[in-house]
């Protein structure tokens, strides 16, 4: 099965921006670009090289840039993004398993 991080990255961006809006925070273009680069820098690495889960990346970004300490979970995102996070996890686990065999 072929895996692409692009739909996951797009879903995380859309849902996180909606979350920020619900907190009465408007992200600037510069902040949006930084968030996209942050996600791309981690999620486009090989799965074995990725050190953070998608939600860890989001939570770290929200803490570092907005001082938001509430932790989002995969269920904090839309159903579609939740599914993509789960797909990422399955692919990550498969890569780890294959590497150990």
PDB file of N, CA and C in Angstrom:
ATOM      1  N   UNK A   1       0.847  -1.183   0.000  1.00  0.00           N
ATOM      2  CA  UNK A   1       0.000   0.000   0.000  1.00  0.00           C
ATOM      3  C   UNK A   1       0.891   1.244   0.000  1.00  0.00           C
ATOM      4  N   UNK A   2       0.646   2.157  -0.888  1.00  0.00           N
ATOM      5  CA  UNK A   2       1.409   3.394  -0.989  1.00  0.00           C
ATOM      6  C   UNK A   2       0.862   4.413   0.005  1.00  0.00           C
ATOM      7  N   UNK A   3       1.769   5.129   0.640  1.00  0.00           N
ATOM      8  CA  UNK A   3       1.373   6.115   1.640  1.00  0.00           C
ATOM      9  C   UNK A   3       1.892   7.478   1.236  1.00  0.00           C
ATOM     10  N   UNK A   4       1.019   8.484   1.321  1.00  0.00           N
ATOM     11  CA  UNK A   4       1.409   9.868   1.068  1.00  0.00           C
ATOM     12  C   UNK A   4       1.014  10.704   2.283  1.00  0.00           C
ATOM     13  N   UNK A   5       1.933  11.527   2.812  1.00  0.00           N
ATOM     14  CA  UNK A   5       1.604  12.359   3.958  1.00  0.00           C
ATOM     15  C   UNK A   5       0.812  13.619   3.601  1.00  0.00           C
ATOM     16  N   UNK A   6       0.657  13.913   2.319  1.00  0.00           N
ATOM     17  CA  UNK A   6       0.036  15.178   1.897  1.00  0.00           C
ATOM     18  C   UNK A   6      -1.393  15.337   2.434  1.00  0.00           C
ATOM     19  N   UNK A   7      -2.282  14.340   2.287  1.00  0.00           N
ATOM     20  CA  UNK A   7      -3.634  14.520   2.826  1.00  0.00           C
ATOM     21  C   UNK A   7      -3.629  14.721   4.349  1.00  0.00           C
ATOM     22  N   UNK A   8      -2.745  14.026   5.054  1.00  0.00           N
ATOM     23  CA  UNK A   8      -2.650  14.187   6.507  1.00  0.00           C
ATOM     24  C   UNK A   8      -2.199  15.599   6.855  1.00  0.00           C
ATOM     25  N   UNK A   9      -1.178  16.076   6.199  1.00  0.00           N
ATOM     26  CA  UNK A   9      -0.676  17.436   6.453  1.00  0.00           C
ATOM     27  C   UNK A   9      -1.782  18.456   6.202  1.00  0.00           C
ATOM     28  N   UNK A  10      -2.479  18.327   5.079  1.00  0.00           N
ATOM     29  CA  UNK A  10      -3.562  19.269   4.764  1.00  0.00           C
ATOM     30  C   UNK A  10      -4.680  19.214   5.804  1.00  0.00           C
ATOM     31  N   UNK A  11      -5.054  18.008   6.224  1.00  0.00           N
ATOM     32  CA  UNK A  11      -6.099  17.863   7.232  1.00  0.00           C
ATOM     33  C   UNK A  11      -5.688  18.456   8.571  1.00  0.00           C
ATOM     34  N   UNK A  12      -4.448  18.216   8.972  1.00  0.00           N
ATOM     35  CA  UNK A  12      -3.964  18.789  10.236  1.00  0.00           C
ATOM     36  C   UNK A  12      -3.968  20.310  10.191  1.00  0.00           C
ATOM     37  N   UNK A  13      -3.585  20.871   9.070  1.00  0.00           N
ATOM     38  CA  UNK A  13      -3.576  22.338   8.934  1.00  0.00           C
ATOM     39  C   UNK A  13      -4.991  22.883   9.046  1.00  0.00           C
ATOM     40  N   UNK A  14      -5.906  22.345   8.261  1.00  0.00           N
ATOM     41  CA  UNK A  14      -7.293  22.839   8.266  1.00  0.00           C
ATOM     42  C   UNK A  14      -7.909  22.727   9.657  1.00  0.00           C
ATOM     43  N   UNK A  15      -7.784  21.553  10.268  1.00  0.00           N
ATOM     44  CA  UNK A  15      -8.418  21.332  11.566  1.00  0.00           C
ATOM     45  C   UNK A  15      -7.763  22.147  12.672  1.00  0.00           C
ATOM     46  N   UNK A  16      -6.444  22.315  12.614  1.00  0.00           N
ATOM     47  CA  UNK A  16      -5.767  23.114  13.636  1.00  0.00           C
ATOM     48  C   UNK A  16      -6.130  24.584  13.510  1.00  0.00           C
ATOM     49  N   UNK A  17      -6.249  25.074  12.280  1.00  0.00           N
ATOM     50  CA  UNK A  17      -6.669  26.465  12.097  1.00  0.00           C
ATOM     51  C   UNK A  17      -8.095  26.672  12.600  1.00  0.00           C
ATOM     52  N   UNK A  18      -8.962  25.684  12.401  1.00  0.00           N
ATOM     53  CA  UNK A  18     -10.320  25.762  12.955  1.00  0.00           C
ATOM     54  C   UNK A  18     -10.279  25.775  14.475  1.00  0.00           C
ATOM     55  N   UNK A  19      -9.401  24.965  15.060  1.00  0.00           N
ATOM     56  CA  UNK A  19      -9.254  24.958  16.519  1.00  0.00           C
ATOM     57  C   UNK A  19      -8.790  26.325  17.015  1.00  0.00           C
ATOM     58  N   UNK A  20      -7.784  26.901  16.344  1.00  0.00           N
ATOM     59  CA  UNK A  20      -7.318  28.224  16.751  1.00  0.00           C
ATOM     60  C   UNK A  20      -8.438  29.258  16.671  1.00  0.00           C
ATOM     61  N   UNK A  21      -9.231  29.196  15.617  1.00  0.00           N
ATOM     62  CA  UNK A  21     -10.361  30.118  15.472  1.00  0.00           C
ATOM     63  C   UNK A  21     -11.337  29.946  16.637  1.00  0.00           C
ATOM     64  N   UNK A  22     -11.579  28.710  17.040  1.00  0.00           N
ATOM     65  CA  UNK A  22     -12.489  28.455  18.173  1.00  0.00           C
ATOM     66  C   UNK A  22     -11.929  29.020  19.478  1.00  0.00           C
ATOM     67  N   UNK A  23     -10.626  29.257  19.520  1.00  0.00           N
ATOM     68  CA  UNK A  23      -9.977  29.854  20.688  1.00  0.00           C
ATOM     69  C   UNK A  23      -9.795  31.372  20.515  1.00  0.00           C
ATOM     70  N   UNK A  24     -10.473  31.931  19.522  1.00  0.00           N
ATOM     71  CA  UNK A  24     -10.382  33.351  19.183  1.00  0.00           C
ATOM     72  C   UNK A  24      -8.956  33.776  18.826  1.00  0.00           C
ATOM     73  N   UNK A  25      -8.251  32.885  18.126  1.00  0.00           N
ATOM     74  CA  UNK A  25      -6.897  33.169  17.661  1.00  0.00           C
ATOM     75  C   UNK A  25      -6.905  33.104  16.143  1.00  0.00           C
ATOM     76  N   UNK A  26      -6.375  34.152  15.520  1.00  0.00           N
ATOM     77  CA  UNK A  26      -6.252  34.171  14.070  1.00  0.00           C
ATOM     78  C   UNK A  26      -4.779  34.023  13.707  1.00  0.00           C
ATOM     79  N   UNK A  27      -4.464  32.988  12.967  1.00  0.00           N
ATOM     80  CA  UNK A  27      -3.084  32.748  12.542  1.00  0.00           C
ATOM     81  C   UNK A  27      -2.748  33.652  11.366  1.00  0.00           C
ATOM     82  N   UNK A  28      -1.567  34.226  11.418  1.00  0.00           N
ATOM     83  CA  UNK A  28      -1.093  35.049  10.305  1.00  0.00           C
ATOM     84  C   UNK A  28      -0.610  34.132   9.179  1.00  0.00           C
ATOM     85  N   UNK A  29      -0.401  34.682   8.008  1.00  0.00           N
ATOM     86  CA  UNK A  29       0.126  33.899   6.892  1.00  0.00           C
ATOM     87  C   UNK A  29       1.493  33.327   7.263  1.00  0.00           C
ATOM     88  N   UNK A  30       2.310  34.122   7.929  1.00  0.00           N
ATOM     89  CA  UNK A  30       3.638  33.667   8.349  1.00  0.00           C
ATOM     90  C   UNK A  30       3.511  32.461   9.293  1.00  0.00           C
ATOM     91  N   UNK A  31       2.568  32.514  10.235  1.00  0.00           N
ATOM     92  CA  UNK A  31       2.364  31.408  11.170  1.00  0.00           C
ATOM     93  C   UNK A  31       1.841  30.161  10.455  1.00  0.00           C
ATOM     94  N   UNK A  32       0.929  30.367   9.501  1.00  0.00           N
ATOM     95  CA  UNK A  32       0.413  29.238   8.720  1.00  0.00           C
ATOM     96  C   UNK A  32       1.524  28.575   7.910  1.00  0.00           C
ATOM     97  N   UNK A  33       2.368  29.401   7.302  1.00  0.00           N
ATOM     98  CA  UNK A  33       3.489  28.872   6.510  1.00  0.00           C
ATOM     99  C   UNK A  33       4.468  28.110   7.400  1.00  0.00           C
ATOM    100  N   UNK A  34       4.741  28.648   8.582  1.00  0.00           N
ATOM    101  CA  UNK A  34       5.635  27.982   9.522  1.00  0.00           C
ATOM    102  C   UNK A  34       5.043  26.643   9.970  1.00  0.00           C
ATOM    103  N   UNK A  35       3.751  26.627  10.227  1.00  0.00           N
ATOM    104  CA  UNK A  35       3.082  25.394  10.644  1.00  0.00           C
ATOM    105  C   UNK A  35       3.172  24.337   9.534  1.00  0.00           C
ATOM    106  N   UNK A  36       2.910  24.761   8.297  1.00  0.00           N
ATOM    107  CA  UNK A  36       2.988  23.824   7.170  1.00  0.00           C
ATOM    108  C   UNK A  36       4.406  23.274   7.023  1.00  0.00           C
ATOM    109  N   UNK A  37       5.414  24.146   7.110  1.00  0.00           N
ATOM    110  CA  UNK A  37       6.803  23.693   7.010  1.00  0.00           C
ATOM    111  C   UNK A  37       7.164  22.735   8.151  1.00  0.00           C
ATOM    112  N   UNK A  38       6.673  23.032   9.344  1.00  0.00           N
ATOM    113  CA  UNK A  38       6.933  22.182  10.502  1.00  0.00           C
ATOM    114  C   UNK A  38       6.378  20.786  10.274  1.00  0.00           C
ATOM    115  N   UNK A  39       5.137  20.710   9.795  1.00  0.00           N
ATOM    116  CA  UNK A  39       4.520  19.412   9.509  1.00  0.00           C
ATOM    117  C   UNK A  39       5.264  18.693   8.391  1.00  0.00           C
ATOM    118  N   UNK A  40       5.565  19.410   7.321  1.00  0.00           N
ATOM    119  CA  UNK A  40       6.252  18.802   6.179  1.00  0.00           C
ATOM    120  C   UNK A  40       7.640  18.301   6.570  1.00  0.00           C
ATOM    121  N   UNK A  41       8.358  19.078   7.374  1.00  0.00           N
ATOM    122  CA  UNK A  41       9.713  18.684   7.769  1.00  0.00           C
ATOM    123  C   UNK A  41       9.720  17.352   8.498  1.00  0.00           C
ATOM    124  N   UNK A  42       8.703  17.086   9.299  1.00  0.00           N
ATOM    125  CA  UNK A  42       8.673  15.821  10.036  1.00  0.00           C
ATOM    126  C   UNK A  42       7.968  14.717   9.254  1.00  0.00           C
ATOM    127  N   UNK A  43       6.817  15.012   8.677  1.00  0.00           N
ATOM    128  CA  UNK A  43       5.982  13.959   8.098  1.00  0.00           C
ATOM    129  C   UNK A  43       6.396  13.519   6.699  1.00  0.00           C
ATOM    130  N   UNK A  44       7.332  14.236   6.080  1.00  0.00           N
ATOM    131  CA  UNK A  44       7.829  13.774   4.784  1.00  0.00           C
ATOM    132  C   UNK A  44       9.131  12.977   4.925  1.00  0.00           C
ATOM    133  N   UNK A  45       9.641  12.860   6.142  1.00  0.00           N
ATOM    134  CA  UNK A  45      10.784  11.973   6.385  1.00  0.00           C
ATOM    135  C   UNK A  45      10.313  10.538   6.209  1.00  0.00           C
ATOM    136  N   UNK A  46      11.255   9.619   6.077  1.00  0.00           N
ATOM    137  CA  UNK A  46      10.852   8.220   6.069  1.00  0.00           C
ATOM    138  C   UNK A  46      10.176   7.927   7.410  1.00  0.00           C
ATOM    139  N   UNK A  47       9.235   6.998   7.407  1.00  0.00           N
ATOM    140  CA  UNK A  47       8.492   6.700   8.634  1.00  0.00           C
ATOM    141  C   UNK A  47       9.427   6.305   9.769  1.00  0.00           C
ATOM    142  N   UNK A  48      10.504   5.592   9.464  1.00  0.00           N
ATOM    143  CA  UNK A  48      11.451   5.192  10.508  1.00  0.00           C
ATOM    144  C   UNK A  48      12.203   6.374  11.100  1.00  0.00           C
ATOM    145  N   UNK A  49      12.318   7.460  10.357  1.00  0.00           N
ATOM    146  CA  UNK A  49      13.042   8.643  10.822  1.00  0.00           C
ATOM    147  C   UNK A  49      12.161   9.619  11.593  1.00  0.00           C
ATOM    148  N   UNK A  50      10.869   9.447  11.515  1.00  0.00           N
ATOM    149  CA  UNK A  50       9.955  10.354  12.205  1.00  0.00           C
ATOM    150  C   UNK A  50       9.978  10.070  13.699  1.00  0.00           C
ATOM    151  N   UNK A  51      10.182  11.131  14.487  1.00  0.00           N
ATOM    152  CA  UNK A  51      10.299  10.962  15.935  1.00  0.00           C
ATOM    153  C   UNK A  51       9.070  11.412  16.704  1.00  0.00           C
ATOM    154  N   UNK A  52       8.143  12.085  16.045  1.00  0.00           N
ATOM    155  CA  UNK A  52       6.930  12.571  16.700  1.00  0.00           C
ATOM    156  C   UNK A  52       5.694  12.123  15.942  1.00  0.00           C
ATOM    157  N   UNK A  53       4.617  11.906  16.689  1.00  0.00           N
ATOM    158  CA  UNK A  53       3.339  11.596  16.059  1.00  0.00           C
ATOM    159  C   UNK A  53       2.756  12.894  15.494  1.00  0.00           C
ATOM    160  N   UNK A  54       1.786  12.783  14.593  1.00  0.00           N
ATOM    161  CA  UNK A  54       1.157  14.003  14.075  1.00  0.00           C
ATOM    162  C   UNK A  54       0.589  14.896  15.183  1.00  0.00           C
ATOM    163  N   UNK A  55      -0.048  14.295  16.187  1.00  0.00           N
ATOM    164  CA  UNK A  55      -0.619  15.133  17.246  1.00  0.00           C
ATOM    165  C   UNK A  55       0.470  15.754  18.115  1.00  0.00           C
ATOM    166  N   UNK A  56       1.585  15.074  18.308  1.00  0.00           N
ATOM    167  CA  UNK A  56       2.696  15.683  19.052  1.00  0.00           C
ATOM    168  C   UNK A  56       3.237  16.900  18.313  1.00  0.00           C
ATOM    169  N   UNK A  57       3.346  16.794  17.007  1.00  0.00           N
ATOM    170  CA  UNK A  57       3.823  17.932  16.208  1.00  0.00           C
ATOM    171  C   UNK A  57       2.885  19.119  16.384  1.00  0.00           C
ATOM    172  N   UNK A  58       1.584  18.864  16.267  1.00  0.00           N
ATOM    173  CA  UNK A  58       0.589  19.936  16.419  1.00  0.00           C
ATOM    174  C   UNK A  58       0.663  20.532  17.816  1.00  0.00           C
ATOM    175  N   UNK A  59       0.652  19.678  18.842  1.00  0.00           N
ATOM    176  CA  UNK A  59       0.669  20.177  20.221  1.00  0.00           C
ATOM    177  C   UNK A  59       1.930  20.975  20.525  1.00  0.00           C
ATOM    178  N   UNK A  60       3.076  20.514  20.046  1.00  0.00           N
ATOM    179  CA  UNK A  60       4.322  21.265  20.250  1.00  0.00           C
ATOM    180  C   UNK A  60       4.258  22.620  19.565  1.00  0.00           C
ATOM    181  N   UNK A  61       3.719  22.646  18.356  1.00  0.00           N
ATOM    182  CA  UNK A  61       3.595  23.906  17.626  1.00  0.00           C
ATOM    183  C   UNK A  61       2.666  24.873  18.370  1.00  0.00           C
ATOM    184  N   UNK A  62       1.526  24.372  18.838  1.00  0.00           N
ATOM    185  CA  UNK A  62       0.577  25.236  19.549  1.00  0.00           C
ATOM    186  C   UNK A  62       1.178  25.770  20.844  1.00  0.00           C
ATOM    187  N   UNK A  63       1.945  24.957  21.538  1.00  0.00           N
ATOM    188  CA  UNK A  63       2.579  25.404  22.783  1.00  0.00           C
ATOM    189  C   UNK A  63       3.664  26.438  22.501  1.00  0.00           C
ATOM    190  N   UNK A  64       4.516  26.150  21.534  1.00  0.00           N
ATOM    191  CA  UNK A  64       5.645  27.035  21.238  1.00  0.00           C
ATOM    192  C   UNK A  64       5.211  28.373  20.636  1.00  0.00           C
ATOM    193  N   UNK A  65       4.159  28.361  19.825  1.00  0.00           N
ATOM    194  CA  UNK A  65       3.787  29.578  19.096  1.00  0.00           C
ATOM    195  C   UNK A  65       2.603  30.332  19.682  1.00  0.00           C
ATOM    196  N   UNK A  66       1.764  29.649  20.464  1.00  0.00           N
ATOM    197  CA  UNK A  66       0.570  30.298  21.003  1.00  0.00           C
ATOM    198  C   UNK A  66       0.418  30.105  22.512  1.00  0.00           C
ATOM    199  N   UNK A  67       1.381  29.409  23.119  1.00  0.00           N
ATOM    200  CA  UNK A  67       1.334  29.108  24.547  1.00  0.00           C
ATOM    201  C   UNK A  67       0.046  28.384  24.933  1.00  0.00           C
ATOM    202  N   UNK A  68      -0.446  27.537  24.025  1.00  0.00           N
ATOM    203  CA  UNK A  68      -1.623  26.720  24.290  1.00  0.00           C
ATOM    204  C   UNK A  68      -1.161  25.361  24.797  1.00  0.00           C
ATOM    205  N   UNK A  69      -1.476  25.061  26.046  1.00  0.00           N
ATOM    206  CA  UNK A  69      -0.981  23.823  26.635  1.00  0.00           C
ATOM    207  C   UNK A  69      -2.013  22.694  26.615  1.00  0.00           C
ATOM    208  N   UNK A  70      -3.244  22.988  26.207  1.00  0.00           N
ATOM    209  CA  UNK A  70      -4.232  21.921  26.097  1.00  0.00           C
ATOM    210  C   UNK A  70      -3.759  20.937  25.026  1.00  0.00           C
ATOM    211  N   UNK A  71      -3.747  19.671  25.377  1.00  0.00           N
ATOM    212  CA  UNK A  71      -3.274  18.648  24.452  1.00  0.00           C
ATOM    213  C   UNK A  71      -4.414  18.159  23.568  1.00  0.00           C
ATOM    214  N   UNK A  72      -4.212  18.261  22.266  1.00  0.00           N
ATOM    215  CA  UNK A  72      -5.175  17.717  21.323  1.00  0.00           C
ATOM    216  C   UNK A  72      -4.862  16.237  21.134  1.00  0.00           C
ATOM    217  N   UNK A  73      -5.880  15.453  20.923  1.00  0.00           N
ATOM    218  CA  UNK A  73      -5.728  14.027  20.655  1.00  0.00           C
ATOM    219  C   UNK A  73      -6.205  13.771  19.223  1.00  0.00           C
ATOM    220  N   UNK A  74      -5.974  12.588  18.687  1.00  0.00           N
ATOM    221  CA  UNK A  74      -6.490  12.318  17.336  1.00  0.00           C
ATOM    222  C   UNK A  74      -7.990  12.575  17.218  1.00  0.00           C
ATOM    223  N   UNK A  75      -8.743  12.345  18.278  1.00  0.00           N
ATOM    224  CA  UNK A  75     -10.189  12.584  18.249  1.00  0.00           C
ATOM    225  C   UNK A  75     -10.555  14.065  18.278  1.00  0.00           C
ATOM    226  N   UNK A  76      -9.580  14.937  18.505  1.00  0.00           N
ATOM    227  CA  UNK A  76      -9.832  16.383  18.484  1.00  0.00           C
ATOM    228  C   UNK A  76      -9.997  16.899  17.058  1.00  0.00           C
ATOM    229  N   UNK A  77      -9.608  16.081  16.085  1.00  0.00           N
ATOM    230  CA  UNK A  77      -9.635  16.487  14.693  1.00  0.00           C
ATOM    231  C   UNK A  77     -10.890  15.943  14.007  1.00  0.00           C
ATOM    232  N   UNK A  78     -11.111  16.375  12.787  1.00  0.00           N
ATOM    233  CA  UNK A  78     -12.266  15.894  12.026  1.00  0.00           C
ATOM    234  C   UNK A  78     -12.164  14.392  11.831  1.00  0.00           C
ATOM    235  N   UNK A  79     -13.268  13.781  11.467  1.00  0.00           N
ATOM    236  CA  UNK A  79     -13.294  12.336  11.244  1.00  0.00           C
ATOM    237  C   UNK A  79     -12.296  11.943  10.155  1.00  0.00           C
ATOM    238  N   UNK A  80     -12.223  12.731   9.098  1.00  0.00           N
ATOM    239  CA  UNK A  80     -11.298  12.421   8.003  1.00  0.00           C
ATOM    240  C   UNK A  80      -9.843  12.494   8.470  1.00  0.00           C
ATOM    241  N   UNK A  81      -9.508  13.547   9.219  1.00  0.00           N
ATOM    242  CA  UNK A  81      -8.140  13.682   9.707  1.00  0.00           C
ATOM    243  C   UNK A  81      -7.832  12.610  10.743  1.00  0.00           C
ATOM    244  N   UNK A  82      -8.802  12.271  11.572  1.00  0.00           N
ATOM    245  CA  UNK A  82      -8.630  11.180  12.541  1.00  0.00           C
ATOM    246  C   UNK A  82      -8.256   9.898  11.790  1.00  0.00           C
ATOM    247  N   UNK A  83      -8.985   9.598  10.727  1.00  0.00           N
ATOM    248  CA  UNK A  83      -8.701   8.406   9.930  1.00  0.00           C
ATOM    249  C   UNK A  83      -7.282   8.464   9.357  1.00  0.00           C
ATOM    250  N   UNK A  84      -6.865   9.627   8.879  1.00  0.00           N
ATOM    251  CA  UNK A  84      -5.526   9.774   8.306  1.00  0.00           C
ATOM    252  C   UNK A  84      -4.436   9.606   9.372  1.00  0.00           C
ATOM    253  N   UNK A  85      -4.710  10.083  10.601  1.00  0.00           N
ATOM    254  CA  UNK A  85      -3.761   9.890  11.701  1.00  0.00           C
ATOM    255  C   UNK A  85      -3.647   8.402  12.017  1.00  0.00           C
ATOM    256  N   UNK A  86      -4.780   7.698  12.026  1.00  0.00           N
ATOM    257  CA  UNK A  86      -4.757   6.258  12.285  1.00  0.00           C
ATOM    258  C   UNK A  86      -4.003   5.522  11.176  1.00  0.00           C
ATOM    259  N   UNK A  87      -4.223   5.950   9.931  1.00  0.00           N
ATOM    260  CA  UNK A  87      -3.513   5.351   8.795  1.00  0.00           C
ATOM    261  C   UNK A  87      -2.006   5.578   8.941  1.00  0.00           C
ATOM    262  N   UNK A  88      -1.618   6.776   9.361  1.00  0.00           N
ATOM    263  CA  UNK A  88      -0.207   7.069   9.602  1.00  0.00           C
ATOM    264  C   UNK A  88       0.346   6.084  10.642  1.00  0.00           C
ATOM    265  N   UNK A  89      -0.395   5.886  11.729  1.00  0.00           N
ATOM    266  CA  UNK A  89       0.052   4.990  12.789  1.00  0.00           C
ATOM    267  C   UNK A  89       0.216   3.556  12.317  1.00  0.00           C
ATOM    268  N   UNK A  90      -0.706   3.100  11.495  1.00  0.00           N
ATOM    269  CA  UNK A  90      -0.619   1.735  10.957  1.00  0.00           C
ATOM    270  C   UNK A  90       0.610   1.613  10.061  1.00  0.00           C
ATOM    271  N   UNK A  91       0.828   2.606   9.210  1.00  0.00           N
ATOM    272  CA  UNK A  91       1.999   2.589   8.331  1.00  0.00           C
ATOM    273  C   UNK A  91       3.293   2.650   9.135  1.00  0.00           C
ATOM    274  N   UNK A  92       3.314   3.469  10.169  1.00  0.00           N
ATOM    275  CA  UNK A  92       4.498   3.590  11.029  1.00  0.00           C
ATOM    276  C   UNK A  92       4.786   2.246  11.705  1.00  0.00           C
ATOM    277  N   UNK A  93       3.741   1.621  12.263  1.00  0.00           N
ATOM    278  CA  UNK A  93       3.915   0.326  12.929  1.00  0.00           C
ATOM    279  C   UNK A  93       4.405  -0.734  11.945  1.00  0.00           C
ATOM    280  N   UNK A  94       3.887  -0.724  10.737  1.00  0.00           N
ATOM    281  CA  UNK A  94       4.320  -1.687   9.716  1.00  0.00           C
ATOM    282  C   UNK A  94       5.788  -1.501   9.368  1.00  0.00           C
ATOM    283  N   UNK A  95       6.222  -0.245   9.251  1.00  0.00           N
ATOM    284  CA  UNK A  95       7.627   0.043   8.951  1.00  0.00           C
ATOM    285  C   UNK A  95       8.533  -0.441  10.079  1.00  0.00           C
ATOM    286  N   UNK A  96       8.126  -0.178  11.315  1.00  0.00           N
ATOM    287  CA  UNK A  96       8.919  -0.609  12.465  1.00  0.00           C
ATOM    288  C   UNK A  96       9.002  -2.130  12.503  1.00  0.00           C
ATOM    289  N   UNK A  97       7.858  -2.795  12.257  1.00  0.00           N
ATOM    290  CA  UNK A  97       7.825  -4.263  12.260  1.00  0.00           C
ATOM    291  C   UNK A  97       8.727  -4.814  11.159  1.00  0.00           C
ATOM    292  N   UNK A  98       8.615  -4.244   9.969  1.00  0.00           N
ATOM    293  CA  UNK A  98       9.429  -4.722   8.839  1.00  0.00           C
ATOM    294  C   UNK A  98      10.917  -4.519   9.089  1.00  0.00           C
ATOM    295  N   UNK A  99      11.256  -3.427   9.756  1.00  0.00           N
ATOM    296  CA  UNK A  99      12.653  -3.139  10.036  1.00  0.00           C
ATOM    297  C   UNK A  99      13.220  -4.135  11.050  1.00  0.00           C
ATOM    298  N   UNK A 100      12.378  -4.590  11.980  1.00  0.00           N
ATOM    299  CA  UNK A 100      12.863  -5.489  13.018  1.00  0.00           C
ATOM    300  C   UNK A 100      12.919  -6.949  12.560  1.00  0.00           C
ATOM    301  N   UNK A 101      12.329  -7.244  11.410  1.00  0.00           N
ATOM    302  CA  UNK A 101      12.327  -8.633  10.915  1.00  0.00           C
ATOM    303  C   UNK A 101      13.571  -8.960  10.143  1.00  0.00           C
TER     304      UNK A 101
END
